[in-house]
């Protein structure tokens, strides 16, 4: 794998950024926008994914980076769970639910692959 010099080069970070933007867009509409608690919680979880990837990268050791990647992956699952709550409350249609869930799933898979790579480099 090529050397990564900036967290912005990490594919999982890029996809997490896209997910956060979409979460903000969807949560700004209709009744979802008025449920401040759920809206803010899902937004925080979405932003947490890319933030943890960036913070872990800055730690400069694979071991610490992996811990932050696990946290980021947990935040992706948190987003997925909250999407179901939003759908159950009628804030999201099936199309938005499926699209956002798949985006979070893709981020999670990318993070998992990166974790496997980094753990393979540890002595």
N, C-alpha and C. Protein backbone atom coordinates (compact mmCIF):
# COMPACT_ATOMS: atom_id res chain seq x y z
N UNK A 1 0.85 -1.18 0.00
CA UNK A 1 0.00 0.00 0.00
C UNK A 1 0.89 1.23 0.00
N UNK A 2 0.49 2.24 -0.71
CA UNK A 2 1.24 3.49 -0.79
C UNK A 2 1.23 4.21 0.56
N UNK A 3 2.25 4.99 0.78
CA UNK A 3 2.36 5.78 2.00
C UNK A 3 1.24 6.82 2.03
N UNK A 4 0.58 6.94 3.16
CA UNK A 4 -0.45 7.96 3.35
C UNK A 4 0.17 9.07 4.18
N UNK A 5 0.15 10.28 3.65
CA UNK A 5 0.78 11.41 4.32
C UNK A 5 -0.20 12.32 5.04
N UNK A 6 -1.47 12.27 4.64
CA UNK A 6 -2.50 13.13 5.24
C UNK A 6 -3.77 12.31 5.41
N UNK A 7 -4.50 12.57 6.48
CA UNK A 7 -5.72 11.81 6.71
C UNK A 7 -6.72 12.01 5.58
N UNK A 8 -6.64 13.14 4.89
CA UNK A 8 -7.57 13.40 3.79
C UNK A 8 -7.39 12.44 2.62
N UNK A 9 -6.29 11.70 2.60
CA UNK A 9 -6.03 10.71 1.56
C UNK A 9 -6.70 9.37 1.85
N UNK A 10 -7.20 9.18 3.04
CA UNK A 10 -7.79 7.91 3.46
C UNK A 10 -9.20 7.78 2.87
N UNK A 11 -9.41 6.73 2.12
CA UNK A 11 -10.70 6.54 1.44
C UNK A 11 -11.87 6.49 2.44
N UNK A 12 -11.68 5.82 3.56
CA UNK A 12 -12.74 5.75 4.57
C UNK A 12 -13.10 7.12 5.11
N UNK A 13 -12.10 7.99 5.26
CA UNK A 13 -12.37 9.36 5.72
C UNK A 13 -13.19 10.12 4.68
N UNK A 14 -12.82 9.96 3.42
CA UNK A 14 -13.55 10.64 2.34
C UNK A 14 -15.02 10.22 2.32
N UNK A 15 -15.24 8.91 2.42
CA UNK A 15 -16.62 8.40 2.39
C UNK A 15 -17.38 8.81 3.66
N UNK A 16 -16.69 8.86 4.79
CA UNK A 16 -17.34 9.30 6.03
C UNK A 16 -17.76 10.76 5.94
N UNK A 17 -16.95 11.54 5.27
CA UNK A 17 -17.29 12.95 5.06
C UNK A 17 -18.55 13.08 4.21
N UNK A 18 -18.64 12.28 3.15
CA UNK A 18 -19.84 12.28 2.31
C UNK A 18 -21.07 11.86 3.12
N UNK A 19 -20.90 10.83 3.95
CA UNK A 19 -22.01 10.37 4.78
C UNK A 19 -22.48 11.48 5.71
N UNK A 20 -21.55 12.15 6.37
CA UNK A 20 -21.92 13.23 7.29
C UNK A 20 -22.70 14.32 6.56
N UNK A 21 -22.25 14.67 5.37
CA UNK A 21 -22.96 15.70 4.59
C UNK A 21 -24.39 15.25 4.29
N UNK A 22 -24.55 14.00 3.89
CA UNK A 22 -25.90 13.49 3.59
C UNK A 22 -26.77 13.41 4.83
N UNK A 23 -26.18 13.03 5.96
CA UNK A 23 -26.94 12.99 7.21
C UNK A 23 -27.42 14.39 7.56
N UNK A 24 -26.57 15.38 7.42
CA UNK A 24 -26.97 16.76 7.69
C UNK A 24 -28.09 17.20 6.75
N UNK A 25 -27.99 16.83 5.49
CA UNK A 25 -29.02 17.21 4.52
C UNK A 25 -30.37 16.60 4.88
N UNK A 26 -30.38 15.31 5.14
CA UNK A 26 -31.63 14.59 5.43
C UNK A 26 -32.24 15.06 6.76
N UNK A 27 -31.39 15.33 7.74
CA UNK A 27 -31.91 15.72 9.05
C UNK A 27 -32.35 17.18 9.11
N UNK A 28 -32.16 17.90 8.02
CA UNK A 28 -32.59 19.30 7.95
C UNK A 28 -33.99 19.46 7.39
N UNK A 29 -34.61 18.33 7.04
CA UNK A 29 -35.93 18.37 6.38
C UNK A 29 -37.05 17.92 7.31
N UNK A 30 -38.20 18.52 7.10
CA UNK A 30 -39.45 18.06 7.70
C UNK A 30 -39.41 17.86 9.20
N UNK A 31 -40.09 16.80 9.64
CA UNK A 31 -40.20 16.53 11.07
C UNK A 31 -38.87 16.12 11.68
N UNK A 32 -37.98 15.56 10.88
CA UNK A 32 -36.66 15.19 11.39
C UNK A 32 -35.95 16.43 11.94
N UNK A 33 -36.06 17.53 11.24
CA UNK A 33 -35.39 18.77 11.65
C UNK A 33 -35.90 19.28 13.00
N UNK A 34 -37.12 18.90 13.36
CA UNK A 34 -37.71 19.37 14.62
C UNK A 34 -37.48 18.43 15.79
N UNK A 35 -36.99 17.23 15.51
CA UNK A 35 -36.65 16.30 16.60
C UNK A 35 -35.19 16.57 16.96
N UNK A 36 -34.98 17.58 17.78
CA UNK A 36 -33.63 18.06 18.06
C UNK A 36 -32.74 16.98 18.65
N UNK A 37 -33.29 16.16 19.49
CA UNK A 37 -32.48 15.14 20.16
C UNK A 37 -31.94 14.11 19.17
N UNK A 38 -32.82 13.48 18.40
CA UNK A 38 -32.38 12.48 17.43
C UNK A 38 -31.55 13.12 16.32
N UNK A 39 -31.98 14.27 15.86
CA UNK A 39 -31.23 14.96 14.80
C UNK A 39 -29.79 15.22 15.23
N UNK A 40 -29.63 15.76 16.44
CA UNK A 40 -28.29 16.08 16.93
C UNK A 40 -27.48 14.81 17.19
N UNK A 41 -28.12 13.77 17.71
CA UNK A 41 -27.41 12.53 18.01
C UNK A 41 -26.87 11.86 16.75
N UNK A 42 -27.68 11.77 15.72
CA UNK A 42 -27.22 11.13 14.49
C UNK A 42 -26.16 11.98 13.79
N UNK A 43 -26.30 13.29 13.90
CA UNK A 43 -25.28 14.17 13.32
C UNK A 43 -23.95 14.00 14.04
N UNK A 44 -23.99 13.95 15.37
CA UNK A 44 -22.75 13.76 16.13
C UNK A 44 -22.10 12.43 15.79
N UNK A 45 -22.90 11.39 15.67
CA UNK A 45 -22.35 10.07 15.33
C UNK A 45 -21.71 10.09 13.94
N UNK A 46 -22.37 10.75 12.99
CA UNK A 46 -21.83 10.80 11.63
C UNK A 46 -20.52 11.58 11.58
N UNK A 47 -20.46 12.70 12.27
CA UNK A 47 -19.24 13.50 12.30
C UNK A 47 -18.13 12.77 13.05
N UNK A 48 -18.50 11.99 14.04
CA UNK A 48 -17.53 11.24 14.84
C UNK A 48 -16.71 10.27 14.00
N UNK A 49 -17.30 9.74 12.94
CA UNK A 49 -16.59 8.77 12.11
C UNK A 49 -15.34 9.40 11.51
N UNK A 50 -15.51 10.45 10.76
CA UNK A 50 -14.35 11.09 10.12
C UNK A 50 -13.42 11.72 11.15
N UNK A 51 -13.97 12.24 12.24
CA UNK A 51 -13.14 12.85 13.28
C UNK A 51 -12.22 11.83 13.93
N UNK A 52 -12.73 10.64 14.20
CA UNK A 52 -11.90 9.61 14.81
C UNK A 52 -10.84 9.08 13.86
N UNK A 53 -11.17 9.01 12.58
CA UNK A 53 -10.17 8.60 11.60
C UNK A 53 -9.03 9.62 11.58
N UNK A 54 -9.37 10.90 11.54
CA UNK A 54 -8.36 11.96 11.52
C UNK A 54 -7.54 11.97 12.80
N UNK A 55 -8.20 11.87 13.94
CA UNK A 55 -7.47 11.90 15.21
C UNK A 55 -6.56 10.68 15.35
N UNK A 56 -7.05 9.52 14.97
CA UNK A 56 -6.22 8.32 15.03
C UNK A 56 -5.01 8.43 14.14
N UNK A 57 -5.19 8.96 12.95
CA UNK A 57 -4.07 9.14 12.03
C UNK A 57 -3.00 10.03 12.65
N UNK A 58 -3.42 11.06 13.35
CA UNK A 58 -2.49 12.02 13.95
C UNK A 58 -1.70 11.41 15.11
N UNK A 59 -2.13 10.29 15.64
CA UNK A 59 -1.43 9.66 16.76
C UNK A 59 -0.09 9.06 16.35
N UNK A 60 0.11 8.80 15.09
CA UNK A 60 1.39 8.38 14.55
C UNK A 60 1.83 6.95 14.89
N UNK A 61 0.98 6.17 15.53
CA UNK A 61 1.30 4.75 15.75
C UNK A 61 0.14 3.91 15.26
N UNK A 62 0.45 2.77 14.66
CA UNK A 62 -0.60 1.90 14.15
C UNK A 62 -1.52 1.41 15.26
N UNK A 63 -0.95 1.10 16.42
CA UNK A 63 -1.76 0.58 17.53
C UNK A 63 -2.82 1.60 17.97
N UNK A 64 -2.41 2.84 18.16
CA UNK A 64 -3.38 3.87 18.56
C UNK A 64 -4.36 4.16 17.42
N UNK A 65 -3.86 4.18 16.20
CA UNK A 65 -4.72 4.43 15.05
C UNK A 65 -5.82 3.38 14.98
N UNK A 66 -5.46 2.13 15.19
CA UNK A 66 -6.45 1.04 15.14
C UNK A 66 -7.54 1.27 16.18
N UNK A 67 -7.18 1.71 17.38
CA UNK A 67 -8.19 1.96 18.42
C UNK A 67 -9.17 3.03 17.97
N UNK A 68 -8.67 4.09 17.36
CA UNK A 68 -9.55 5.15 16.87
C UNK A 68 -10.40 4.65 15.70
N UNK A 69 -9.85 3.77 14.88
CA UNK A 69 -10.63 3.20 13.78
C UNK A 69 -11.77 2.34 14.30
N UNK A 70 -11.52 1.60 15.38
CA UNK A 70 -12.61 0.83 15.99
C UNK A 70 -13.71 1.76 16.48
N UNK A 71 -13.33 2.87 17.07
CA UNK A 71 -14.33 3.85 17.53
C UNK A 71 -15.11 4.42 16.35
N UNK A 72 -14.39 4.73 15.28
CA UNK A 72 -15.05 5.24 14.07
C UNK A 72 -16.05 4.23 13.52
N UNK A 73 -15.64 2.96 13.50
CA UNK A 73 -16.54 1.91 13.01
C UNK A 73 -17.77 1.78 13.91
N UNK A 74 -17.56 1.94 15.21
CA UNK A 74 -18.69 1.93 16.14
C UNK A 74 -19.65 3.07 15.87
N UNK A 75 -19.12 4.23 15.54
CA UNK A 75 -19.97 5.38 15.21
C UNK A 75 -20.76 5.14 13.94
N UNK A 76 -20.18 4.43 12.98
CA UNK A 76 -20.91 4.09 11.75
C UNK A 76 -22.10 3.18 12.08
N UNK A 77 -21.89 2.24 12.99
CA UNK A 77 -23.00 1.37 13.42
C UNK A 77 -24.05 2.17 14.18
N UNK A 78 -23.60 3.14 14.96
CA UNK A 78 -24.53 4.01 15.68
C UNK A 78 -25.41 4.77 14.69
N UNK A 79 -24.83 5.29 13.64
CA UNK A 79 -25.61 5.97 12.60
C UNK A 79 -26.65 5.02 12.02
N UNK A 80 -26.24 3.80 11.71
CA UNK A 80 -27.16 2.83 11.13
C UNK A 80 -28.33 2.55 12.07
N UNK A 81 -28.05 2.38 13.34
CA UNK A 81 -29.12 2.13 14.31
C UNK A 81 -30.07 3.32 14.40
N UNK A 82 -29.53 4.51 14.41
CA UNK A 82 -30.36 5.71 14.50
C UNK A 82 -31.17 5.94 13.23
N UNK A 83 -30.67 5.47 12.10
CA UNK A 83 -31.45 5.55 10.86
C UNK A 83 -32.73 4.73 11.00
N UNK A 84 -32.64 3.57 11.63
CA UNK A 84 -33.84 2.76 11.85
C UNK A 84 -34.84 3.48 12.74
N UNK A 85 -34.34 4.12 13.79
CA UNK A 85 -35.24 4.88 14.67
C UNK A 85 -35.94 5.97 13.87
N UNK A 86 -35.17 6.69 13.07
CA UNK A 86 -35.75 7.76 12.25
C UNK A 86 -36.80 7.21 11.28
N UNK A 87 -36.51 6.07 10.68
CA UNK A 87 -37.48 5.46 9.76
C UNK A 87 -38.72 5.01 10.51
N UNK A 88 -38.53 4.42 11.68
CA UNK A 88 -39.68 3.97 12.49
C UNK A 88 -40.58 5.13 12.89
N UNK A 89 -39.99 6.32 13.06
CA UNK A 89 -40.76 7.50 13.43
C UNK A 89 -41.34 8.23 12.23
N UNK A 90 -41.05 7.74 11.03
CA UNK A 90 -41.57 8.35 9.82
C UNK A 90 -40.76 9.54 9.32
N UNK A 91 -39.56 9.71 9.85
CA UNK A 91 -38.71 10.82 9.42
C UNK A 91 -37.98 10.53 8.12
N UNK A 92 -37.79 9.26 7.83
CA UNK A 92 -37.07 8.83 6.62
C UNK A 92 -37.92 7.87 5.83
N UNK A 93 -37.90 8.02 4.52
CA UNK A 93 -38.53 7.04 3.65
C UNK A 93 -37.58 5.89 3.42
N UNK A 94 -38.08 4.85 2.79
CA UNK A 94 -37.26 3.66 2.54
C UNK A 94 -36.04 3.96 1.67
N UNK A 95 -36.21 4.85 0.71
CA UNK A 95 -35.10 5.17 -0.18
C UNK A 95 -33.95 5.84 0.57
N UNK A 96 -34.28 6.86 1.38
CA UNK A 96 -33.24 7.53 2.17
C UNK A 96 -32.62 6.57 3.18
N UNK A 97 -33.45 5.79 3.84
CA UNK A 97 -32.94 4.81 4.80
C UNK A 97 -31.94 3.88 4.12
N UNK A 98 -32.32 3.30 2.99
CA UNK A 98 -31.45 2.36 2.29
C UNK A 98 -30.16 3.01 1.81
N UNK A 99 -30.28 4.20 1.27
CA UNK A 99 -29.10 4.90 0.73
C UNK A 99 -28.12 5.25 1.84
N UNK A 100 -28.62 5.83 2.92
CA UNK A 100 -27.75 6.23 4.01
C UNK A 100 -27.18 5.02 4.75
N UNK A 101 -28.00 3.99 4.90
CA UNK A 101 -27.52 2.77 5.56
C UNK A 101 -26.37 2.16 4.74
N UNK A 102 -26.52 2.12 3.43
CA UNK A 102 -25.48 1.56 2.57
C UNK A 102 -24.22 2.42 2.60
N UNK A 103 -24.37 3.73 2.66
CA UNK A 103 -23.20 4.60 2.78
C UNK A 103 -22.44 4.31 4.06
N UNK A 104 -23.17 4.16 5.17
CA UNK A 104 -22.53 3.85 6.45
C UNK A 104 -21.88 2.47 6.41
N UNK A 105 -22.53 1.54 5.72
CA UNK A 105 -21.98 0.20 5.60
C UNK A 105 -20.68 0.22 4.79
N UNK A 106 -20.66 0.99 3.73
CA UNK A 106 -19.43 1.11 2.93
C UNK A 106 -18.29 1.70 3.76
N UNK A 107 -18.60 2.73 4.54
CA UNK A 107 -17.59 3.33 5.41
C UNK A 107 -17.07 2.28 6.39
N UNK A 108 -17.97 1.53 6.98
CA UNK A 108 -17.59 0.49 7.94
C UNK A 108 -16.68 -0.55 7.30
N UNK A 109 -17.00 -0.97 6.08
CA UNK A 109 -16.16 -1.95 5.38
C UNK A 109 -14.78 -1.39 5.09
N UNK A 110 -14.72 -0.14 4.66
CA UNK A 110 -13.43 0.49 4.40
C UNK A 110 -12.59 0.57 5.67
N UNK A 111 -13.21 0.95 6.77
CA UNK A 111 -12.51 1.04 8.05
C UNK A 111 -12.03 -0.35 8.47
N UNK A 112 -12.87 -1.35 8.32
CA UNK A 112 -12.49 -2.72 8.69
C UNK A 112 -11.29 -3.19 7.88
N UNK A 113 -11.27 -2.89 6.60
CA UNK A 113 -10.14 -3.26 5.76
C UNK A 113 -8.87 -2.55 6.19
N UNK A 114 -8.99 -1.31 6.57
CA UNK A 114 -7.83 -0.55 7.02
C UNK A 114 -7.31 -1.11 8.35
N UNK A 115 -8.23 -1.48 9.23
CA UNK A 115 -7.83 -2.11 10.50
C UNK A 115 -7.04 -3.39 10.23
N UNK A 116 -7.55 -4.23 9.33
CA UNK A 116 -6.84 -5.47 9.00
C UNK A 116 -5.45 -5.18 8.45
N UNK A 117 -5.35 -4.19 7.59
CA UNK A 117 -4.06 -3.81 7.03
C UNK A 117 -3.08 -3.35 8.12
N UNK A 118 -3.55 -2.45 8.99
CA UNK A 118 -2.68 -1.93 10.04
C UNK A 118 -2.27 -3.00 11.04
N UNK A 119 -3.20 -3.87 11.39
CA UNK A 119 -2.87 -4.95 12.32
C UNK A 119 -1.88 -5.93 11.71
N UNK A 120 -1.92 -6.07 10.42
CA UNK A 120 -0.96 -6.94 9.74
C UNK A 120 0.44 -6.37 9.75
N UNK A 121 0.56 -5.05 9.93
CA UNK A 121 1.86 -4.39 9.96
C UNK A 121 2.46 -4.33 11.36
N UNK A 122 1.66 -4.69 12.37
CA UNK A 122 2.17 -4.63 13.75
C UNK A 122 3.05 -5.83 14.02
N UNK A 123 4.08 -5.59 14.77
CA UNK A 123 5.01 -6.66 15.14
C UNK A 123 4.64 -7.23 16.47
